[in-house]
């Protein structure tokens, strides 16, 4: 299903963004 793939990709993107954000804060 195309909709499911799109939702999964968005979720992964959010997770990666959160991890990068936390990493940036810890380094800063």
PDB file of N, CA and C in Angstrom:
ATOM      1  N   UNK A   1       0.855  -1.210   0.000  1.00  0.00           N
ATOM      2  CA  UNK A   1       0.000   0.000   0.000  1.00  0.00           C
ATOM      3  C   UNK A   1       0.888   1.258   0.000  1.00  0.00           C
ATOM      4  N   UNK A   2       0.619   2.161  -0.913  1.00  0.00           N
ATOM      5  CA  UNK A   2       1.422   3.376  -1.048  1.00  0.00           C
ATOM      6  C   UNK A   2       1.268   4.274   0.178  1.00  0.00           C
ATOM      7  N   UNK A   3       0.058   4.368   0.699  1.00  0.00           N
ATOM      8  CA  UNK A   3      -0.207   5.217   1.864  1.00  0.00           C
ATOM      9  C   UNK A   3       0.571   4.727   3.083  1.00  0.00           C
ATOM     10  N   UNK A   4       0.626   3.418   3.265  1.00  0.00           N
ATOM     11  CA  UNK A   4       1.346   2.847   4.406  1.00  0.00           C
ATOM     12  C   UNK A   4       2.835   3.158   4.307  1.00  0.00           C
ATOM     13  N   UNK A   5       3.389   3.010   3.112  1.00  0.00           N
ATOM     14  CA  UNK A   5       4.811   3.297   2.896  1.00  0.00           C
ATOM     15  C   UNK A   5       5.103   4.760   3.203  1.00  0.00           C
ATOM     16  N   UNK A   6       4.218   5.633   2.753  1.00  0.00           N
ATOM     17  CA  UNK A   6       4.423   7.065   2.964  1.00  0.00           C
ATOM     18  C   UNK A   6       4.394   7.376   4.457  1.00  0.00           C
ATOM     19  N   UNK A   7       3.472   6.755   5.176  1.00  0.00           N
ATOM     20  CA  UNK A   7       3.359   6.996   6.617  1.00  0.00           C
ATOM     21  C   UNK A   7       4.590   6.473   7.340  1.00  0.00           C
ATOM     22  N   UNK A   8       5.071   5.290   6.910  1.00  0.00           N
ATOM     23  CA  UNK A   8       6.247   4.701   7.534  1.00  0.00           C
ATOM     24  C   UNK A   8       7.472   5.587   7.318  1.00  0.00           C
ATOM     25  N   UNK A   9       7.601   6.100   6.091  1.00  0.00           N
ATOM     26  CA  UNK A   9       8.746   6.947   5.772  1.00  0.00           C
ATOM     27  C   UNK A   9       8.709   8.219   6.600  1.00  0.00           C
ATOM     28  N   UNK A  10       7.515   8.786   6.775  1.00  0.00           N
ATOM     29  CA  UNK A  10       7.365  10.004   7.561  1.00  0.00           C
ATOM     30  C   UNK A  10       7.750   9.734   9.013  1.00  0.00           C
ATOM     31  N   UNK A  11       7.341   8.590   9.527  1.00  0.00           N
ATOM     32  CA  UNK A  11       7.649   8.221  10.904  1.00  0.00           C
ATOM     33  C   UNK A  11       9.162   8.089  11.078  1.00  0.00           C
ATOM     34  N   UNK A  12       9.801   7.403  10.141  1.00  0.00           N
ATOM     35  CA  UNK A  12      11.256   7.216  10.200  1.00  0.00           C
ATOM     36  C   UNK A  12      11.955   8.568  10.163  1.00  0.00           C
ATOM     37  N   UNK A  13      11.431   9.451   9.317  1.00  0.00           N
ATOM     38  CA  UNK A  13      12.017  10.785   9.184  1.00  0.00           C
ATOM     39  C   UNK A  13      11.919  11.521  10.517  1.00  0.00           C
ATOM     40  N   UNK A  14      10.784  11.415  11.183  1.00  0.00           N
ATOM     41  CA  UNK A  14      10.585  12.070  12.468  1.00  0.00           C
ATOM     42  C   UNK A  14      11.543  11.525  13.521  1.00  0.00           C
ATOM     43  N   UNK A  15      11.713  10.208  13.524  1.00  0.00           N
ATOM     44  CA  UNK A  15      12.606   9.569  14.502  1.00  0.00           C
ATOM     45  C   UNK A  15      14.039  10.038  14.288  1.00  0.00           C
ATOM     46  N   UNK A  16      14.480  10.037  13.027  1.00  0.00           N
ATOM     47  CA  UNK A  16      15.848  10.467  12.727  1.00  0.00           C
ATOM     48  C   UNK A  16      16.039  11.923  13.109  1.00  0.00           C
ATOM     49  N   UNK A  17      15.032  12.737  12.839  1.00  0.00           N
ATOM     50  CA  UNK A  17      15.108  14.155  13.176  1.00  0.00           C
ATOM     51  C   UNK A  17      15.232  14.349  14.682  1.00  0.00           C
ATOM     52  N   UNK A  18      14.482  13.567  15.446  1.00  0.00           N
ATOM     53  CA  UNK A  18      14.526  13.669  16.905  1.00  0.00           C
ATOM     54  C   UNK A  18      15.896  13.248  17.430  1.00  0.00           C
ATOM     55  N   UNK A  19      16.430  12.159  16.875  1.00  0.00           N
ATOM     56  CA  UNK A  19      17.750  11.685  17.306  1.00  0.00           C
ATOM     57  C   UNK A  19      18.821  12.726  17.013  1.00  0.00           C
ATOM     58  N   UNK A  20      18.764  13.308  15.830  1.00  0.00           N
ATOM     59  CA  UNK A  20      19.736  14.330  15.447  1.00  0.00           C
ATOM     60  C   UNK A  20      19.605  15.540  16.367  1.00  0.00           C
ATOM     61  N   UNK A  21      18.368  15.890  16.696  1.00  0.00           N
ATOM     62  CA  UNK A  21      18.108  17.033  17.569  1.00  0.00           C
ATOM     63  C   UNK A  21      18.696  16.789  18.961  1.00  0.00           C
ATOM     64  N   UNK A  22      18.465  15.597  19.511  1.00  0.00           N
ATOM     65  CA  UNK A  22      19.002  15.256  20.830  1.00  0.00           C
ATOM     66  C   UNK A  22      20.525  15.226  20.811  1.00  0.00           C
ATOM     67  N   UNK A  23      21.093  14.697  19.749  1.00  0.00           N
ATOM     68  CA  UNK A  23      22.550  14.616  19.608  1.00  0.00           C
ATOM     69  C   UNK A  23      23.136  16.022  19.565  1.00  0.00           C
ATOM     70  N   UNK A  24      22.488  16.902  18.827  1.00  0.00           N
ATOM     71  CA  UNK A  24      22.960  18.277  18.695  1.00  0.00           C
ATOM     72  C   UNK A  24      22.955  18.976  20.048  1.00  0.00           C
ATOM     73  N   UNK A  25      21.897  18.756  20.826  1.00  0.00           N
ATOM     74  CA  UNK A  25      21.774  19.393  22.139  1.00  0.00           C
ATOM     75  C   UNK A  25      22.873  18.862  23.081  1.00  0.00           C
ATOM     76  N   UNK A  26      23.101  17.541  23.054  1.00  0.00           N
ATOM     77  CA  UNK A  26      24.101  16.960  23.956  1.00  0.00           C
ATOM     78  C   UNK A  26      25.507  17.446  23.599  1.00  0.00           C
ATOM     79  N   UNK A  27      25.773  17.622  22.304  1.00  0.00           N
ATOM     80  CA  UNK A  27      27.095  18.087  21.872  1.00  0.00           C
ATOM     81  C   UNK A  27      27.258  19.565  22.205  1.00  0.00           C
ATOM     82  N   UNK A  28      26.185  20.322  22.010  1.00  0.00           N
ATOM     83  CA  UNK A  28      26.237  21.747  22.251  1.00  0.00           C
ATOM     84  C   UNK A  28      26.386  21.994  23.758  1.00  0.00           C
TER      85      UNK A  28
END
